[in-house]
Amino acid sequence: MEELFRQDSYLRDCAARVTGADADGIRLDRTVFYPTGGGQPGDTGRLRLADGREITILDTRKGAAPGEILHIPAEGAELPPAGAEVTAIIDWDRRHRLMRMHTCLHLLCSLVSGDVTGGQISDGKGRLDFNLPPDTILDKATLTERLNRLVAEDCAVEPRWISDEELAAKPELVRTMSVKPPSGQGQVRLLEIAGIDLQPCGGTHVRRTGEIGPVEVTKIESKGKMNKRVNIAFLA
């Protein structure tokens, strides 16, 4: 499976060949569809067959086999035969909103010093949970102002790679306690926001922070003795 979304998050479609289809989903030899993972939802969209018919894809998930990606069709859809040529087309507007929010959560992570114990990216909103001392005070207005300042700086956002050994020598790069970065394949993908944040991440992101647009910290909640949940949403 060629994961084109890792090479270029801005690809909206690609030509592909069906390698299998059953009750679990449709498998392709290459795809622009991002599968659910790292707190980011799987892509939706459609597969267009050579005869013009289209199969609606409601979700994308990782399969049981290493590297397997399952495109989940709408209930009752006629599955394409193995070998069929298709065009895989993501719902770009939704994906772009998820990319903007994912990058924004990395900005938020740079502003709060605690380890991340959980998180979720949704369409238009997101959250991170932080492991913080009980007496820590987070202010919505202050965080909102600092987030929007980082957005307005329009910093470059770029992936880069380091070896498993380099990551093992720099454990401070891993901020997320709930999800371990993939290792054992020789290299690990990092996301770098120039001068702001650097940590392992396999998700899709915008190229510059200015693309995120204005955001607001909508709620800060206590989730247990040492957990603070920070919720954010787009203003436009």
C-alpha atoms as a PDB file:
ATOM      1  CA  MET A   1       0.000   0.000   0.000  1.00  0.00           C
ATOM      2  CA  GLU A   2       1.464   3.324  -1.097  1.00  0.00           C
ATOM      3  CA  GLU A   3       0.417   5.987   1.434  1.00  0.00           C
ATOM      4  CA  LEU A   4       0.367   9.096  -0.725  1.00  0.00           C
ATOM      5  CA  PHE A   5      -1.074  11.258   2.080  1.00  0.00           C
ATOM      6  CA  ARG A   6       2.263  10.924   3.901  1.00  0.00           C
ATOM      7  CA  GLN A   7       4.145  12.263   0.888  1.00  0.00           C
ATOM      8  CA  ASP A   8       1.792  15.210   0.290  1.00  0.00           C
ATOM      9  CA  SER A   9      -1.133  16.106   2.575  1.00  0.00           C
ATOM     10  CA  TYR A  10      -2.575  18.344  -0.144  1.00  0.00           C
ATOM     11  CA  LEU A  11      -3.240  15.561  -2.658  1.00  0.00           C
ATOM     12  CA  ARG A  12      -7.002  15.398  -3.199  1.00  0.00           C
ATOM     13  CA  ASP A  13      -7.234  12.362  -5.475  1.00  0.00           C
ATOM     14  CA  CYS A  14      -5.198   9.631  -7.105  1.00  0.00           C
ATOM     15  CA  ALA A  15      -5.514   6.793  -9.594  1.00  0.00           C
ATOM     16  CA  ALA A  16      -5.502   3.411  -7.859  1.00  0.00           C
ATOM     17  CA  ARG A  17      -6.198  -0.276  -8.377  1.00  0.00           C
ATOM     18  CA  VAL A  18      -8.457  -2.390  -6.172  1.00  0.00           C
ATOM     19  CA  THR A  19      -6.482  -5.192  -4.514  1.00  0.00           C
ATOM     20  CA  GLY A  20      -9.415  -6.623  -2.582  1.00  0.00           C
ATOM     21  CA  ALA A  21     -12.902  -5.876  -1.261  1.00  0.00           C
ATOM     22  CA  ASP A  22     -14.990  -7.671   1.346  1.00  0.00           C
ATOM     23  CA  ALA A  23     -17.111  -7.011   4.438  1.00  0.00           C
ATOM     24  CA  ASP A  24     -14.163  -5.283   6.136  1.00  0.00           C
ATOM     25  CA  GLY A  25     -13.716  -2.684   3.406  1.00  0.00           C
ATOM     26  CA  ILE A  26     -12.031  -1.893   0.097  1.00  0.00           C
ATOM     27  CA  ARG A  27      -8.260  -2.191  -0.282  1.00  0.00           C
ATOM     28  CA  LEU A  28      -6.270  -0.241  -2.858  1.00  0.00           C
ATOM     29  CA  ASP A  29      -2.666  -0.426  -4.037  1.00  0.00           C
ATOM     30  CA  ARG A  30      -2.255   3.310  -3.260  1.00  0.00           C
ATOM     31  CA  THR A  31      -4.398   5.932  -1.581  1.00  0.00           C
ATOM     32  CA  VAL A  32      -4.781   9.570  -0.562  1.00  0.00           C
ATOM     33  CA  PHE A  33      -7.226   8.543   2.219  1.00  0.00           C
ATOM     34  CA  TYR A  34      -5.824   8.984   5.737  1.00  0.00           C
ATOM     35  CA  PRO A  35      -6.887   6.184   8.141  1.00  0.00           C
ATOM     36  CA  THR A  36      -8.053   6.967  11.695  1.00  0.00           C
ATOM     37  CA  GLY A  37      -5.041   7.324  13.973  1.00  0.00           C
ATOM     38  CA  GLY A  38      -3.248   9.644  16.384  1.00  0.00           C
ATOM     39  CA  GLY A  39      -6.522  11.307  17.340  1.00  0.00           C
ATOM     40  CA  GLN A  40      -7.282  12.278  13.732  1.00  0.00           C
ATOM     41  CA  PRO A  41     -10.437  10.838  12.095  1.00  0.00           C
ATOM     42  CA  GLY A  42     -10.229   8.818   8.909  1.00  0.00           C
ATOM     43  CA  ASP A  43     -10.994  10.491   5.605  1.00  0.00           C
ATOM     44  CA  THR A  44     -14.329  10.338   3.821  1.00  0.00           C
ATOM     45  CA  GLY A  45     -14.906  10.715   0.090  1.00  0.00           C
ATOM     46  CA  ARG A  46     -15.611   8.498  -2.892  1.00  0.00           C
ATOM     47  CA  LEU A  47     -14.143   5.991  -5.330  1.00  0.00           C
ATOM     48  CA  ARG A  48     -14.962   6.656  -8.973  1.00  0.00           C
ATOM     49  CA  LEU A  49     -14.966   3.601 -11.234  1.00  0.00           C
ATOM     50  CA  ALA A  50     -13.964   3.575 -14.898  1.00  0.00           C
ATOM     51  CA  ASP A  51     -17.619   3.537 -15.999  1.00  0.00           C
ATOM     52  CA  GLY A  52     -18.385   6.691 -13.991  1.00  0.00           C
ATOM     53  CA  ARG A  53     -20.168   4.989 -11.078  1.00  0.00           C
ATOM     54  CA  GLU A  54     -19.114   6.172  -7.628  1.00  0.00           C
ATOM     55  CA  ILE A  55     -18.823   4.407  -4.273  1.00  0.00           C
ATOM     56  CA  THR A  56     -19.280   6.637  -1.232  1.00  0.00           C
ATOM     57  CA  ILE A  57     -16.571   6.112   1.413  1.00  0.00           C
ATOM     58  CA  LEU A  58     -17.806   6.872   4.935  1.00  0.00           C
ATOM     59  CA  ASP A  59     -14.585   6.181   6.856  1.00  0.00           C
ATOM     60  CA  THR A  60     -10.996   5.003   6.486  1.00  0.00           C
ATOM     61  CA  ARG A  61      -9.363   2.655   9.001  1.00  0.00           C
ATOM     62  CA  LYS A  62      -6.224   0.632   9.500  1.00  0.00           C
ATOM     63  CA  GLY A  63      -6.622  -3.075   8.812  1.00  0.00           C
ATOM     64  CA  ALA A  64      -5.285  -6.013  10.788  1.00  0.00           C
ATOM     65  CA  ALA A  65      -2.297  -6.593   8.498  1.00  0.00           C
ATOM     66  CA  PRO A  66       0.723  -4.240   8.700  1.00  0.00           C
ATOM     67  CA  GLY A  67       0.249  -1.290   6.332  1.00  0.00           C
ATOM     68  CA  GLU A  68      -3.296  -2.324   5.419  1.00  0.00           C
ATOM     69  CA  ILE A  69      -5.804   0.514   4.887  1.00  0.00           C
ATOM     70  CA  LEU A  70      -9.538  -0.149   4.626  1.00  0.00           C
ATOM     71  CA  HIS A  71     -11.871   2.227   2.776  1.00  0.00           C
ATOM     72  CA  ILE A  72     -15.291   1.735   4.374  1.00  0.00           C
ATOM     73  CA  PRO A  73     -18.129   2.024   1.819  1.00  0.00           C
ATOM     74  CA  ALA A  74     -21.697   3.114   2.471  1.00  0.00           C
ATOM     75  CA  GLU A  75     -23.992   0.274   3.505  1.00  0.00           C
ATOM     76  CA  GLY A  76     -25.314  -1.654   0.533  1.00  0.00           C
ATOM     77  CA  ALA A  77     -22.703  -0.360  -1.907  1.00  0.00           C
ATOM     78  CA  GLU A  78     -21.699  -2.745  -4.675  1.00  0.00           C
ATOM     79  CA  LEU A  79     -18.072  -3.704  -4.040  1.00  0.00           C
ATOM     80  CA  PRO A  80     -15.643  -3.366  -6.954  1.00  0.00           C
ATOM     81  CA  PRO A  81     -13.791  -6.477  -8.170  1.00  0.00           C
ATOM     82  CA  ALA A  82     -10.087  -6.965  -7.525  1.00  0.00           C
ATOM     83  CA  GLY A  83      -8.085  -5.366 -10.306  1.00  0.00           C
ATOM     84  CA  ALA A  84     -10.625  -2.625 -11.019  1.00  0.00           C
ATOM     85  CA  GLU A  85      -9.130   0.793 -11.776  1.00  0.00           C
ATOM     86  CA  VAL A  86     -10.572   3.629  -9.682  1.00  0.00           C
ATOM     87  CA  THR A  87      -9.984   7.267  -8.846  1.00  0.00           C
ATOM     88  CA  ALA A  88      -9.831   7.802  -5.068  1.00  0.00           C
ATOM     89  CA  ILE A  89     -11.193  11.248  -4.138  1.00  0.00           C
ATOM     90  CA  ILE A  90     -11.217  12.598  -0.588  1.00  0.00           C
ATOM     91  CA  ASP A  91     -13.698  15.093   0.842  1.00  0.00           C
ATOM     92  CA  TRP A  92     -11.111  17.859   0.665  1.00  0.00           C
ATOM     93  CA  ASP A  93     -12.969  20.566   2.602  1.00  0.00           C
ATOM     94  CA  ARG A  94     -13.383  18.234   5.583  1.00  0.00           C
ATOM     95  CA  ARG A  95      -9.770  16.993   5.365  1.00  0.00           C
ATOM     96  CA  HIS A  96      -8.435  20.543   5.225  1.00  0.00           C
ATOM     97  CA  ARG A  97     -10.367  21.479   8.371  1.00  0.00           C
ATOM     98  CA  LEU A  98      -8.888  18.430  10.124  1.00  0.00           C
ATOM     99  CA  MET A  99      -5.393  19.408   8.947  1.00  0.00           C
ATOM    100  CA  ARG A 100      -5.857  22.944  10.284  1.00  0.00           C
ATOM    101  CA  MET A 101      -7.092  21.651  13.633  1.00  0.00           C
ATOM    102  CA  HIS A 102      -4.329  19.040  13.947  1.00  0.00           C
ATOM    103  CA  THR A 103      -1.650  21.663  13.394  1.00  0.00           C
ATOM    104  CA  CYS A 104      -3.405  23.978  15.856  1.00  0.00           C
ATOM    105  CA  LEU A 105      -3.249  21.283  18.536  1.00  0.00           C
ATOM    106  CA  HIS A 106       0.516  21.155  18.051  1.00  0.00           C
ATOM    107  CA  LEU A 107       0.598  24.898  18.709  1.00  0.00           C
ATOM    108  CA  LEU A 108      -1.469  24.368  21.851  1.00  0.00           C
ATOM    109  CA  CYS A 109       0.939  21.641  22.946  1.00  0.00           C
ATOM    110  CA  SER A 110       3.806  24.135  22.696  1.00  0.00           C
ATOM    111  CA  LEU A 111       2.026  26.496  25.113  1.00  0.00           C
ATOM    112  CA  VAL A 112       1.269  23.985  27.894  1.00  0.00           C
ATOM    113  CA  SER A 113       4.225  22.263  29.543  1.00  0.00           C
ATOM    114  CA  GLY A 114       2.592  19.034  30.761  1.00  0.00           C
ATOM    115  CA  ASP A 115       2.668  15.680  29.007  1.00  0.00           C
ATOM    116  CA  VAL A 116      -0.300  14.951  26.753  1.00  0.00           C
ATOM    117  CA  THR A 117      -2.497  12.184  28.154  1.00  0.00           C
ATOM    118  CA  GLY A 118      -5.103  12.191  25.384  1.00  0.00           C
ATOM    119  CA  GLY A 119      -6.584  14.192  22.568  1.00  0.00           C
ATOM    120  CA  GLN A 120      -9.140  14.297  19.812  1.00  0.00           C
ATOM    121  CA  ILE A 121      -9.465  16.082  16.492  1.00  0.00           C
ATOM    122  CA  SER A 122     -12.960  16.759  15.189  1.00  0.00           C
ATOM    123  CA  ASP A 123     -14.378  18.736  12.288  1.00  0.00           C
ATOM    124  CA  GLY A 124     -14.032  22.335  13.462  1.00  0.00           C
ATOM    125  CA  LYS A 125     -12.909  21.612  17.004  1.00  0.00           C
ATOM    126  CA  GLY A 126     -10.401  19.619  19.028  1.00  0.00           C
ATOM    127  CA  ARG A 127      -8.994  19.011  22.484  1.00  0.00           C
ATOM    128  CA  LEU A 128      -5.870  17.951  24.360  1.00  0.00           C
ATOM    129  CA  ASP A 129      -5.615  16.537  27.876  1.00  0.00           C
ATOM    130  CA  PHE A 130      -2.516  17.484  29.878  1.00  0.00           C
ATOM    131  CA  ASN A 131      -0.893  15.906  32.926  1.00  0.00           C
ATOM    132  CA  LEU A 132      -0.336  18.939  35.178  1.00  0.00           C
ATOM    133  CA  PRO A 133       0.213  19.660  38.891  1.00  0.00           C
ATOM    134  CA  PRO A 134      -3.098  20.183  40.739  1.00  0.00           C
ATOM    135  CA  ASP A 135      -2.369  23.869  41.397  1.00  0.00           C
ATOM    136  CA  THR A 136      -1.807  24.693  37.701  1.00  0.00           C
ATOM    137  CA  ILE A 137      -4.016  27.512  36.444  1.00  0.00           C
ATOM    138  CA  LEU A 138      -4.794  27.793  32.726  1.00  0.00           C
ATOM    139  CA  ASP A 139      -6.624  30.878  31.516  1.00  0.00           C
ATOM    140  CA  LYS A 140      -8.884  30.678  28.447  1.00  0.00           C
ATOM    141  CA  ALA A 141      -8.340  34.251  27.318  1.00  0.00           C
ATOM    142  CA  THR A 142      -4.565  34.078  27.699  1.00  0.00           C
ATOM    143  CA  LEU A 143      -4.282  30.787  25.824  1.00  0.00           C
ATOM    144  CA  THR A 144      -6.581  32.065  23.078  1.00  0.00           C
ATOM    145  CA  GLU A 145      -4.470  35.197  22.618  1.00  0.00           C
ATOM    146  CA  ARG A 146      -1.196  33.223  22.538  1.00  0.00           C
ATOM    147  CA  LEU A 147      -2.582  30.644  20.098  1.00  0.00           C
ATOM    148  CA  ASN A 148      -3.780  33.299  17.675  1.00  0.00           C
ATOM    149  CA  ARG A 149      -0.439  35.068  17.916  1.00  0.00           C
ATOM    150  CA  LEU A 150       1.329  31.864  16.800  1.00  0.00           C
ATOM    151  CA  VAL A 151      -1.199  31.407  14.002  1.00  0.00           C
ATOM    152  CA  ALA A 152      -0.604  34.974  12.805  1.00  0.00           C
ATOM    153  CA  GLU A 153       3.181  34.470  12.757  1.00  0.00           C
ATOM    154  CA  ASP A 154       2.594  32.175   9.756  1.00  0.00           C
ATOM    155  CA  CYS A 155       5.435  29.809  10.664  1.00  0.00           C
ATOM    156  CA  ALA A 156       6.494  26.991   8.348  1.00  0.00           C
ATOM    157  CA  VAL A 157       5.205  23.499   9.170  1.00  0.00           C
ATOM    158  CA  GLU A 158       7.318  20.668   7.794  1.00  0.00           C
ATOM    159  CA  PRO A 159       7.775  16.935   8.333  1.00  0.00           C
ATOM    160  CA  ARG A 160      11.213  15.447   8.788  1.00  0.00           C
ATOM    161  CA  TRP A 161      12.581  12.060   9.708  1.00  0.00           C
ATOM    162  CA  ILE A 162      14.956  10.732  12.349  1.00  0.00           C
ATOM    163  CA  SER A 163      16.191   7.229  13.063  1.00  0.00           C
ATOM    164  CA  ASP A 164      14.803   5.016  15.815  1.00  0.00           C
ATOM    165  CA  GLU A 165      18.142   5.414  17.597  1.00  0.00           C
ATOM    166  CA  GLU A 166      17.950   9.220  17.457  1.00  0.00           C
ATOM    167  CA  LEU A 167      14.459   9.175  18.944  1.00  0.00           C
ATOM    168  CA  ALA A 168      15.548   6.783  21.705  1.00  0.00           C
ATOM    169  CA  ALA A 169      18.359   9.218  22.556  1.00  0.00           C
ATOM    170  CA  LYS A 170      15.902  12.137  22.745  1.00  0.00           C
ATOM    171  CA  PRO A 171      12.889  10.868  24.741  1.00  0.00           C
ATOM    172  CA  GLU A 172      11.878  14.477  25.468  1.00  0.00           C
ATOM    173  CA  LEU A 173      10.591  14.710  21.876  1.00  0.00           C
ATOM    174  CA  VAL A 174       7.690  12.410  22.784  1.00  0.00           C
ATOM    175  CA  ARG A 175       4.976  14.514  24.448  1.00  0.00           C
ATOM    176  CA  THR A 176       2.084  12.064  24.178  1.00  0.00           C
ATOM    177  CA  MET A 177       1.743   9.497  26.956  1.00  0.00           C
ATOM    178  CA  SER A 178      -1.279   7.719  25.456  1.00  0.00           C
ATOM    179  CA  VAL A 179       0.136   6.982  21.986  1.00  0.00           C
ATOM    180  CA  LYS A 180       3.657   5.736  21.339  1.00  0.00           C
ATOM    181  CA  PRO A 181       5.277   6.854  18.076  1.00  0.00           C
ATOM    182  CA  PRO A 182       5.788   4.037  15.583  1.00  0.00           C
ATOM    183  CA  SER A 183       9.285   2.603  15.738  1.00  0.00           C
ATOM    184  CA  GLY A 184      11.068  -0.502  14.616  1.00  0.00           C
ATOM    185  CA  GLN A 185      10.986   0.455  10.931  1.00  0.00           C
ATOM    186  CA  GLY A 186      14.275   2.323  10.986  1.00  0.00           C
ATOM    187  CA  GLN A 187      12.928   5.868  11.023  1.00  0.00           C
ATOM    188  CA  VAL A 188      10.261   7.992  12.700  1.00  0.00           C
ATOM    189  CA  ARG A 189       8.377  10.937  11.184  1.00  0.00           C
ATOM    190  CA  LEU A 190       8.527  14.212  13.119  1.00  0.00           C
ATOM    191  CA  LEU A 191       6.452  17.328  12.609  1.00  0.00           C
ATOM    192  CA  GLU A 192       8.352  20.570  13.022  1.00  0.00           C
ATOM    193  CA  ILE A 193       6.755  23.995  13.423  1.00  0.00           C
ATOM    194  CA  ALA A 194       9.747  26.258  12.992  1.00  0.00           C
ATOM    195  CA  GLY A 195      10.966  27.507  16.362  1.00  0.00           C
ATOM    196  CA  ILE A 196       7.784  26.385  18.132  1.00  0.00           C
ATOM    197  CA  ASP A 197       7.232  22.624  18.288  1.00  0.00           C
ATOM    198  CA  LEU A 198       8.940  19.395  17.295  1.00  0.00           C
ATOM    199  CA  GLN A 199       7.503  15.952  18.045  1.00  0.00           C
ATOM    200  CA  PRO A 200       6.659  12.615  16.397  1.00  0.00           C
ATOM    201  CA  CYS A 201       3.443  12.719  14.357  1.00  0.00           C
ATOM    202  CA  GLY A 202       2.107  10.759  11.403  1.00  0.00           C
ATOM    203  CA  GLY A 203      -0.966  12.919  10.766  1.00  0.00           C
ATOM    204  CA  THR A 204      -1.760  15.405   8.015  1.00  0.00           C
ATOM    205  CA  HIS A 205      -0.987  19.089   8.487  1.00  0.00           C
ATOM    206  CA  VAL A 206      -1.102  22.472   6.800  1.00  0.00           C
ATOM    207  CA  ARG A 207       2.107  23.982   5.407  1.00  0.00           C
ATOM    208  CA  ARG A 208       2.032  27.197   7.445  1.00  0.00           C
ATOM    209  CA  THR A 209       0.355  28.185  10.718  1.00  0.00           C
ATOM    210  CA  GLY A 210      -1.377  31.145   9.056  1.00  0.00           C
ATOM    211  CA  GLU A 211      -3.549  28.673   7.191  1.00  0.00           C
ATOM    212  CA  ILE A 212      -5.216  27.640  10.469  1.00  0.00           C
ATOM    213  CA  GLY A 213      -7.222  30.833  10.825  1.00  0.00           C
ATOM    214  CA  PRO A 214      -8.612  32.368  14.051  1.00  0.00           C
ATOM    215  CA  VAL A 215      -9.334  30.008  16.957  1.00  0.00           C
ATOM    216  CA  GLU A 216     -10.731  30.171  20.467  1.00  0.00           C
ATOM    217  CA  VAL A 217     -10.160  28.188  23.651  1.00  0.00           C
ATOM    218  CA  THR A 218     -13.783  27.354  24.429  1.00  0.00           C
ATOM    219  CA  LYS A 219     -13.451  25.443  27.699  1.00  0.00           C
ATOM    220  CA  ILE A 220     -10.852  24.248  30.209  1.00  0.00           C
ATOM    221  CA  GLU A 221     -11.920  21.289  32.348  1.00  0.00           C
ATOM    222  CA  SER A 222     -10.411  19.266  35.169  1.00  0.00           C
ATOM    223  CA  LYS A 223     -10.412  15.557  34.333  1.00  0.00           C
ATOM    224  CA  GLY A 224      -9.051  13.931  37.450  1.00  0.00           C
ATOM    225  CA  LYS A 225      -6.574  15.225  40.008  1.00  0.00           C
ATOM    226  CA  MET A 226      -3.756  15.952  37.555  1.00  0.00           C
ATOM    227  CA  ASN A 227      -5.507  16.198  34.195  1.00  0.00           C
ATOM    228  CA  LYS A 228      -6.629  19.403  32.488  1.00  0.00           C
ATOM    229  CA  ARG A 229      -8.612  19.286  29.237  1.00  0.00           C
ATOM    230  CA  VAL A 230      -8.273  22.233  26.879  1.00  0.00           C
ATOM    231  CA  ASN A 231     -10.952  22.513  24.182  1.00  0.00           C
ATOM    232  CA  ILE A 232     -10.487  24.710  21.106  1.00  0.00           C
ATOM    233  CA  ALA A 233     -12.620  25.585  18.084  1.00  0.00           C
ATOM    234  CA  PHE A 234     -12.389  27.627  14.896  1.00  0.00           C
ATOM    235  CA  LEU A 235     -13.945  31.063  14.913  1.00  0.00           C
ATOM    236  CA  ALA A 236     -14.483  30.920  11.128  1.00  0.00           C
END
